[in-house]
Amino acid sequence: MNFLAHCLLADHAALQWQVDPQTRQGLLAGAVVADFTKGPVNLTWPQSLQAGVRLHRRIDAFSNTQQAIITSCERFPLRYRRYAPIFVDLLADYFLSLSWDNWHSEPRTIFSAQCYAALTTYEKFLPDHGNRFLHYAQQQDLFANYHQWENIQLGLRSVLRRLNKENWLAEVNECAKSLQISGQPDFDLYYAELVQQLPSWRELLR
């Protein structure tokens, strides 16, 4: 999952776990903070933020075993298969944006503003590069605009730059574009399965 999908899963969890608004904010923030922090969860952090980070990591661990995600990864040529899970994560936000009304009753713009507000509340727990991302996301309203393919392209470029594989960009982008139709049913399956798992993960609030 990428940023938007992780945040919406955190929101689903907040609803299913019947938490208060402050805890919901921590879960939303943790959904993103987890991407910018490694190693053991910091036990001095607010409990809800810790839970959000743990939820993010539980989702990632579970999604590695999901057949629909494996199927999506196998749609990429063998040359790129090792990194396909990262590409599929980016595509998840695209497919979620396109099918948003199936998963949430509020517009993406309203939900994205709630995510930025939660992150701003907990921004001191983000490293510098996390804060730079937050400010960029707010300026571009990135979370509300993953249905725009250029944002997926930018995400792919950023990933390949970090992997030192920028020479792959044109072909990886073409492979990703080829999944714009075939990848949606995969997403619908694996996202629904993740939502169904959330009630059994309430112990992450410990």
C-alpha atoms as a PDB file:
ATOM      1  CA  MET A   1       0.000   0.000   0.000  1.00  0.00           C
ATOM      2  CA  ASN A   2       1.069   3.578  -0.559  1.00  0.00           C
ATOM      3  CA  PHE A   3       0.240   6.720   1.467  1.00  0.00           C
ATOM      4  CA  LEU A   4      -3.445   7.148   0.615  1.00  0.00           C
ATOM      5  CA  ALA A   5      -4.291   3.464   0.983  1.00  0.00           C
ATOM      6  CA  HIS A   6      -2.470   3.202   4.316  1.00  0.00           C
ATOM      7  CA  CYS A   7      -4.293   6.283   5.606  1.00  0.00           C
ATOM      8  CA  LEU A   8      -7.697   5.020   4.547  1.00  0.00           C
ATOM      9  CA  LEU A   9      -7.020   1.620   6.120  1.00  0.00           C
ATOM     10  CA  ALA A  10      -6.078   3.455   9.318  1.00  0.00           C
ATOM     11  CA  ASP A  11      -9.381   5.327   9.073  1.00  0.00           C
ATOM     12  CA  HIS A  12     -11.292   2.067   8.569  1.00  0.00           C
ATOM     13  CA  ALA A  13      -9.496   0.707  11.645  1.00  0.00           C
ATOM     14  CA  ALA A  14     -10.428   3.767  13.699  1.00  0.00           C
ATOM     15  CA  LEU A  15     -14.079   3.228  12.799  1.00  0.00           C
ATOM     16  CA  GLN A  16     -14.060  -0.525  13.390  1.00  0.00           C
ATOM     17  CA  TRP A  17     -12.119  -0.204  16.650  1.00  0.00           C
ATOM     18  CA  GLN A  18     -14.449   2.612  17.806  1.00  0.00           C
ATOM     19  CA  VAL A  19     -11.668   4.947  18.901  1.00  0.00           C
ATOM     20  CA  ASP A  20     -11.935   8.595  19.932  1.00  0.00           C
ATOM     21  CA  PRO A  21     -10.993  11.435  17.531  1.00  0.00           C
ATOM     22  CA  GLN A  22      -7.536  11.936  19.053  1.00  0.00           C
ATOM     23  CA  THR A  23      -6.670   8.261  18.646  1.00  0.00           C
ATOM     24  CA  ARG A  24      -7.931   8.384  15.064  1.00  0.00           C
ATOM     25  CA  GLN A  25      -5.516  11.251  14.389  1.00  0.00           C
ATOM     26  CA  GLY A  26      -2.633   9.221  15.765  1.00  0.00           C
ATOM     27  CA  LEU A  27      -3.584   6.252  13.589  1.00  0.00           C
ATOM     28  CA  LEU A  28      -3.771   8.462  10.480  1.00  0.00           C
ATOM     29  CA  ALA A  29      -0.412  10.075  11.242  1.00  0.00           C
ATOM     30  CA  GLY A  30       1.231   6.744  12.026  1.00  0.00           C
ATOM     31  CA  ALA A  31       0.112   5.410   8.656  1.00  0.00           C
ATOM     32  CA  VAL A  32       2.547   7.853   7.035  1.00  0.00           C
ATOM     33  CA  VAL A  33       5.176   8.270   9.772  1.00  0.00           C
ATOM     34  CA  ALA A  34       5.863   4.525   9.454  1.00  0.00           C
ATOM     35  CA  ASP A  35       7.269   5.075   5.965  1.00  0.00           C
ATOM     36  CA  PHE A  36       9.889   7.460   7.331  1.00  0.00           C
ATOM     37  CA  THR A  37      10.993   5.498  10.407  1.00  0.00           C
ATOM     38  CA  LYS A  38      12.773   2.176  10.691  1.00  0.00           C
ATOM     39  CA  GLY A  39      13.561  -0.197  13.532  1.00  0.00           C
ATOM     40  CA  PRO A  40      11.594  -0.786  16.747  1.00  0.00           C
ATOM     41  CA  VAL A  41       8.598   1.431  17.422  1.00  0.00           C
ATOM     42  CA  ASN A  42       9.600   4.267  19.746  1.00  0.00           C
ATOM     43  CA  LEU A  43       7.827   3.513  23.035  1.00  0.00           C
ATOM     44  CA  THR A  44       8.057   7.159  24.151  1.00  0.00           C
ATOM     45  CA  TRP A  45       5.737   8.225  21.325  1.00  0.00           C
ATOM     46  CA  PRO A  46       2.013   8.781  21.902  1.00  0.00           C
ATOM     47  CA  GLN A  47       0.192   5.453  22.106  1.00  0.00           C
ATOM     48  CA  SER A  48      -2.036   6.134  19.115  1.00  0.00           C
ATOM     49  CA  LEU A  49       0.939   7.077  16.929  1.00  0.00           C
ATOM     50  CA  GLN A  50       2.689   3.869  17.940  1.00  0.00           C
ATOM     51  CA  ALA A  51      -0.472   1.948  17.016  1.00  0.00           C
ATOM     52  CA  GLY A  52      -0.594   3.661  13.618  1.00  0.00           C
ATOM     53  CA  VAL A  53       2.994   2.642  12.883  1.00  0.00           C
ATOM     54  CA  ARG A  54       2.317  -0.936  14.018  1.00  0.00           C
ATOM     55  CA  LEU A  55      -0.808  -1.086  11.867  1.00  0.00           C
ATOM     56  CA  HIS A  56       1.156   0.100   8.832  1.00  0.00           C
ATOM     57  CA  ARG A  57       3.735  -2.628   9.394  1.00  0.00           C
ATOM     58  CA  ARG A  58       1.075  -5.289   9.973  1.00  0.00           C
ATOM     59  CA  ILE A  59      -0.614  -4.307   6.708  1.00  0.00           C
ATOM     60  CA  ASP A  60       2.694  -4.543   4.849  1.00  0.00           C
ATOM     61  CA  ALA A  61       3.472  -7.958   6.326  1.00  0.00           C
ATOM     62  CA  PHE A  62      -0.001  -9.310   5.528  1.00  0.00           C
ATOM     63  CA  SER A  63      -0.078  -7.855   2.024  1.00  0.00           C
ATOM     64  CA  ASN A  64       3.126  -9.723   1.150  1.00  0.00           C
ATOM     65  CA  THR A  65       1.103 -12.949   1.360  1.00  0.00           C
ATOM     66  CA  GLN A  66      -2.001 -11.833  -0.562  1.00  0.00           C
ATOM     67  CA  GLN A  67      -2.587 -13.729  -3.782  1.00  0.00           C
ATOM     68  CA  ALA A  68      -4.118 -10.726  -5.571  1.00  0.00           C
ATOM     69  CA  ILE A  69      -0.980  -8.677  -4.867  1.00  0.00           C
ATOM     70  CA  ILE A  70       1.228 -11.551  -6.003  1.00  0.00           C
ATOM     71  CA  THR A  71      -0.856 -11.684  -9.189  1.00  0.00           C
ATOM     72  CA  SER A  72      -0.363  -7.941  -9.741  1.00  0.00           C
ATOM     73  CA  CYS A  73       3.388  -8.301  -9.233  1.00  0.00           C
ATOM     74  CA  GLU A  74       3.497 -11.141 -11.741  1.00  0.00           C
ATOM     75  CA  ARG A  75       2.016  -8.838 -14.372  1.00  0.00           C
ATOM     76  CA  PHE A  76       5.425  -7.109 -14.498  1.00  0.00           C
ATOM     77  CA  PRO A  77       8.178  -8.678 -16.642  1.00  0.00           C
ATOM     78  CA  LEU A  78      10.673 -10.908 -14.825  1.00  0.00           C
ATOM     79  CA  ARG A  79      13.366  -8.253 -15.113  1.00  0.00           C
ATOM     80  CA  TYR A  80      11.396  -5.981 -12.759  1.00  0.00           C
ATOM     81  CA  ARG A  81       9.743  -8.625 -10.597  1.00  0.00           C
ATOM     82  CA  ARG A  82      12.056  -8.054  -7.607  1.00  0.00           C
ATOM     83  CA  TYR A  83      10.847  -4.451  -7.309  1.00  0.00           C
ATOM     84  CA  ALA A  84       7.297  -5.050  -8.514  1.00  0.00           C
ATOM     85  CA  PRO A  85       5.803  -4.909  -4.979  1.00  0.00           C
ATOM     86  CA  ILE A  86       6.965  -1.286  -4.729  1.00  0.00           C
ATOM     87  CA  PHE A  87       5.375  -0.448  -8.079  1.00  0.00           C
ATOM     88  CA  VAL A  88       2.155  -2.208  -7.062  1.00  0.00           C
ATOM     89  CA  ASP A  89       2.095  -0.155  -3.850  1.00  0.00           C
ATOM     90  CA  LEU A  90       2.128   3.042  -5.898  1.00  0.00           C
ATOM     91  CA  LEU A  91      -0.594   1.745  -8.188  1.00  0.00           C
ATOM     92  CA  ALA A  92      -2.768   0.956  -5.161  1.00  0.00           C
ATOM     93  CA  ASP A  93      -3.301   4.678  -4.554  1.00  0.00           C
ATOM     94  CA  TYR A  94      -4.245   5.158  -8.202  1.00  0.00           C
ATOM     95  CA  PHE A  95      -6.838   2.381  -8.110  1.00  0.00           C
ATOM     96  CA  LEU A  96      -8.131   3.515  -4.723  1.00  0.00           C
ATOM     97  CA  SER A  97      -8.598   7.045  -6.049  1.00  0.00           C
ATOM     98  CA  LEU A  98     -10.496   5.804  -9.075  1.00  0.00           C
ATOM     99  CA  SER A  99     -12.824   3.682  -6.937  1.00  0.00           C
ATOM    100  CA  TRP A 100     -12.906   6.051  -3.952  1.00  0.00           C
ATOM    101  CA  ASP A 101     -16.691   6.210  -3.624  1.00  0.00           C
ATOM    102  CA  ASN A 102     -16.751   2.446  -3.069  1.00  0.00           C
ATOM    103  CA  TRP A 103     -14.636   2.799   0.070  1.00  0.00           C
ATOM    104  CA  HIS A 104     -15.399   6.164   1.680  1.00  0.00           C
ATOM    105  CA  SER A 105     -18.390   8.476   1.939  1.00  0.00           C
ATOM    106  CA  GLU A 106     -16.446  11.789   2.027  1.00  0.00           C
ATOM    107  CA  PRO A 107     -14.669  13.342  -0.975  1.00  0.00           C
ATOM    108  CA  ARG A 108     -10.943  12.697  -1.307  1.00  0.00           C
ATOM    109  CA  THR A 109     -10.223  16.393  -0.756  1.00  0.00           C
ATOM    110  CA  ILE A 110     -11.859  16.336   2.676  1.00  0.00           C
ATOM    111  CA  PHE A 111     -10.164  13.101   3.709  1.00  0.00           C
ATOM    112  CA  SER A 112      -6.771  14.292   2.480  1.00  0.00           C
ATOM    113  CA  ALA A 113      -7.123  17.492   4.523  1.00  0.00           C
ATOM    114  CA  GLN A 114      -7.819  15.350   7.603  1.00  0.00           C
ATOM    115  CA  CYS A 115      -4.642  13.348   6.903  1.00  0.00           C
ATOM    116  CA  TYR A 116      -2.507  16.487   6.583  1.00  0.00           C
ATOM    117  CA  ALA A 117      -4.006  17.867   9.791  1.00  0.00           C
ATOM    118  CA  ALA A 118      -3.143  14.651  11.640  1.00  0.00           C
ATOM    119  CA  LEU A 119       0.393  14.687  10.258  1.00  0.00           C
ATOM    120  CA  THR A 120       0.846  18.327  11.181  1.00  0.00           C
ATOM    121  CA  THR A 121      -0.196  17.493  14.747  1.00  0.00           C
ATOM    122  CA  TYR A 122       2.524  14.830  14.905  1.00  0.00           C
ATOM    123  CA  GLU A 123       5.078  16.401  12.548  1.00  0.00           C
ATOM    124  CA  LYS A 124       7.773  16.599  15.253  1.00  0.00           C
ATOM    125  CA  PHE A 125       7.974  12.807  15.016  1.00  0.00           C
ATOM    126  CA  LEU A 126       8.861  12.988  11.318  1.00  0.00           C
ATOM    127  CA  PRO A 127      12.507  13.219  10.228  1.00  0.00           C
ATOM    128  CA  ASP A 128      13.497  16.107   7.973  1.00  0.00           C
ATOM    129  CA  HIS A 129      12.789  14.253   4.739  1.00  0.00           C
ATOM    130  CA  GLY A 130       9.384  13.262   6.113  1.00  0.00           C
ATOM    131  CA  ASN A 131       8.540  16.885   6.837  1.00  0.00           C
ATOM    132  CA  ARG A 132       9.651  17.864   3.339  1.00  0.00           C
ATOM    133  CA  PHE A 133       7.319  15.235   1.934  1.00  0.00           C
ATOM    134  CA  LEU A 134       4.449  16.489   4.105  1.00  0.00           C
ATOM    135  CA  HIS A 135       4.861  20.054   2.893  1.00  0.00           C
ATOM    136  CA  TYR A 136       5.062  18.897  -0.724  1.00  0.00           C
ATOM    137  CA  ALA A 137       1.969  16.692  -0.314  1.00  0.00           C
ATOM    138  CA  GLN A 138       0.005  19.597   1.178  1.00  0.00           C
ATOM    139  CA  GLN A 139       1.063  22.033  -1.535  1.00  0.00           C
ATOM    140  CA  GLN A 140       0.099  19.624  -4.310  1.00  0.00           C
ATOM    141  CA  ASP A 141      -2.803  18.043  -2.392  1.00  0.00           C
ATOM    142  CA  LEU A 142      -1.153  14.796  -3.414  1.00  0.00           C
ATOM    143  CA  PHE A 143      -3.412  12.475  -1.433  1.00  0.00           C
ATOM    144  CA  ALA A 144      -6.479  13.814  -3.255  1.00  0.00           C
ATOM    145  CA  ASN A 145      -4.887  13.548  -6.681  1.00  0.00           C
ATOM    146  CA  TYR A 146      -3.488  10.061  -7.092  1.00  0.00           C
ATOM    147  CA  HIS A 147      -6.069   9.489  -9.831  1.00  0.00           C
ATOM    148  CA  GLN A 148      -3.925  11.787 -11.989  1.00  0.00           C
ATOM    149  CA  TRP A 149      -1.469   9.498 -13.747  1.00  0.00           C
ATOM    150  CA  GLU A 150       1.353  12.052 -13.652  1.00  0.00           C
ATOM    151  CA  ASN A 151       1.497  11.626  -9.874  1.00  0.00           C
ATOM    152  CA  ILE A 152       2.051   7.896 -10.332  1.00  0.00           C
ATOM    153  CA  GLN A 153       4.789   8.668 -12.841  1.00  0.00           C
ATOM    154  CA  LEU A 154       6.449  11.010 -10.358  1.00  0.00           C
ATOM    155  CA  GLY A 155       6.249   8.304  -7.700  1.00  0.00           C
ATOM    156  CA  LEU A 156       7.830   5.742 -10.025  1.00  0.00           C
ATOM    157  CA  ARG A 157      10.606   8.184 -10.912  1.00  0.00           C
ATOM    158  CA  SER A 158      11.306   8.860  -7.241  1.00  0.00           C
ATOM    159  CA  VAL A 159      11.433   5.145  -6.416  1.00  0.00           C
ATOM    160  CA  LEU A 160      13.745   4.336  -9.318  1.00  0.00           C
ATOM    161  CA  ARG A 161      16.028   7.234  -8.428  1.00  0.00           C
ATOM    162  CA  ARG A 162      16.401   5.877  -4.892  1.00  0.00           C
ATOM    163  CA  LEU A 163      17.099   2.413  -6.340  1.00  0.00           C
ATOM    164  CA  ASN A 164      19.634   3.875  -8.779  1.00  0.00           C
ATOM    165  CA  LYS A 165      17.554   2.392 -11.624  1.00  0.00           C
ATOM    166  CA  GLU A 166      16.489   5.554 -13.429  1.00  0.00           C
ATOM    167  CA  ASN A 167      17.306   3.966 -16.785  1.00  0.00           C
ATOM    168  CA  TRP A 168      14.292   1.680 -16.201  1.00  0.00           C
ATOM    169  CA  LEU A 169      11.819   4.563 -16.010  1.00  0.00           C
ATOM    170  CA  ALA A 170      10.400   4.500 -19.530  1.00  0.00           C
ATOM    171  CA  GLU A 171       9.796   0.762 -19.573  1.00  0.00           C
ATOM    172  CA  VAL A 172       8.532   0.526 -15.984  1.00  0.00           C
ATOM    173  CA  ASN A 173       6.133   3.371 -16.671  1.00  0.00           C
ATOM    174  CA  GLU A 174       4.832   1.567 -19.755  1.00  0.00           C
ATOM    175  CA  CYS A 175       4.410  -1.644 -17.755  1.00  0.00           C
ATOM    176  CA  ALA A 176       2.518   0.252 -15.058  1.00  0.00           C
ATOM    177  CA  LYS A 177       0.297   1.940 -17.660  1.00  0.00           C
ATOM    178  CA  SER A 178      -0.555  -1.480 -19.086  1.00  0.00           C
ATOM    179  CA  LEU A 179      -2.062  -2.351 -15.682  1.00  0.00           C
ATOM    180  CA  GLN A 180      -4.451   0.618 -15.606  1.00  0.00           C
ATOM    181  CA  ILE A 181      -7.342  -1.723 -16.421  1.00  0.00           C
ATOM    182  CA  SER A 182      -6.174  -5.203 -15.420  1.00  0.00           C
ATOM    183  CA  GLY A 183      -4.847  -4.029 -12.056  1.00  0.00           C
ATOM    184  CA  GLN A 184      -8.146  -2.639 -10.724  1.00  0.00           C
ATOM    185  CA  PRO A 185      -9.773  -6.053 -10.060  1.00  0.00           C
ATOM    186  CA  ASP A 186      -6.588  -7.159  -8.268  1.00  0.00           C
ATOM    187  CA  PHE A 187      -6.770  -4.053  -6.096  1.00  0.00           C
ATOM    188  CA  ASP A 188     -10.449  -4.561  -5.294  1.00  0.00           C
ATOM    189  CA  LEU A 189      -9.677  -8.063  -4.045  1.00  0.00           C
ATOM    190  CA  TYR A 190      -6.649  -7.335  -1.903  1.00  0.00           C
ATOM    191  CA  TYR A 191      -7.964  -4.093  -0.436  1.00  0.00           C
ATOM    192  CA  ALA A 192     -11.260  -5.692   0.584  1.00  0.00           C
ATOM    193  CA  GLU A 193      -9.334  -8.528   2.202  1.00  0.00           C
ATOM    194  CA  LEU A 194      -7.240  -6.044   4.199  1.00  0.00           C
ATOM    195  CA  VAL A 195     -10.351  -4.220   5.411  1.00  0.00           C
ATOM    196  CA  GLN A 196     -11.765  -7.554   6.579  1.00  0.00           C
ATOM    197  CA  GLN A 197      -8.624  -8.233   8.612  1.00  0.00           C
ATOM    198  CA  LEU A 198      -8.736  -4.980  10.598  1.00  0.00           C
ATOM    199  CA  PRO A 199     -11.080  -6.088  13.426  1.00  0.00           C
ATOM    200  CA  SER A 200      -8.670  -8.886  14.361  1.00  0.00           C
ATOM    201  CA  TRP A 201      -5.791  -6.420  14.716  1.00  0.00           C
ATOM    202  CA  ARG A 202      -7.274  -4.255  17.460  1.00  0.00           C
ATOM    203  CA  GLU A 203      -4.592  -5.430  19.889  1.00  0.00           C
ATOM    204  CA  LEU A 204      -2.222  -3.061  18.091  1.00  0.00           C
ATOM    205  CA  LEU A 205      -3.753  -0.290  20.234  1.00  0.00           C
ATOM    206  CA  ARG A 206      -1.976  -1.716  23.316  1.00  0.00           C
END
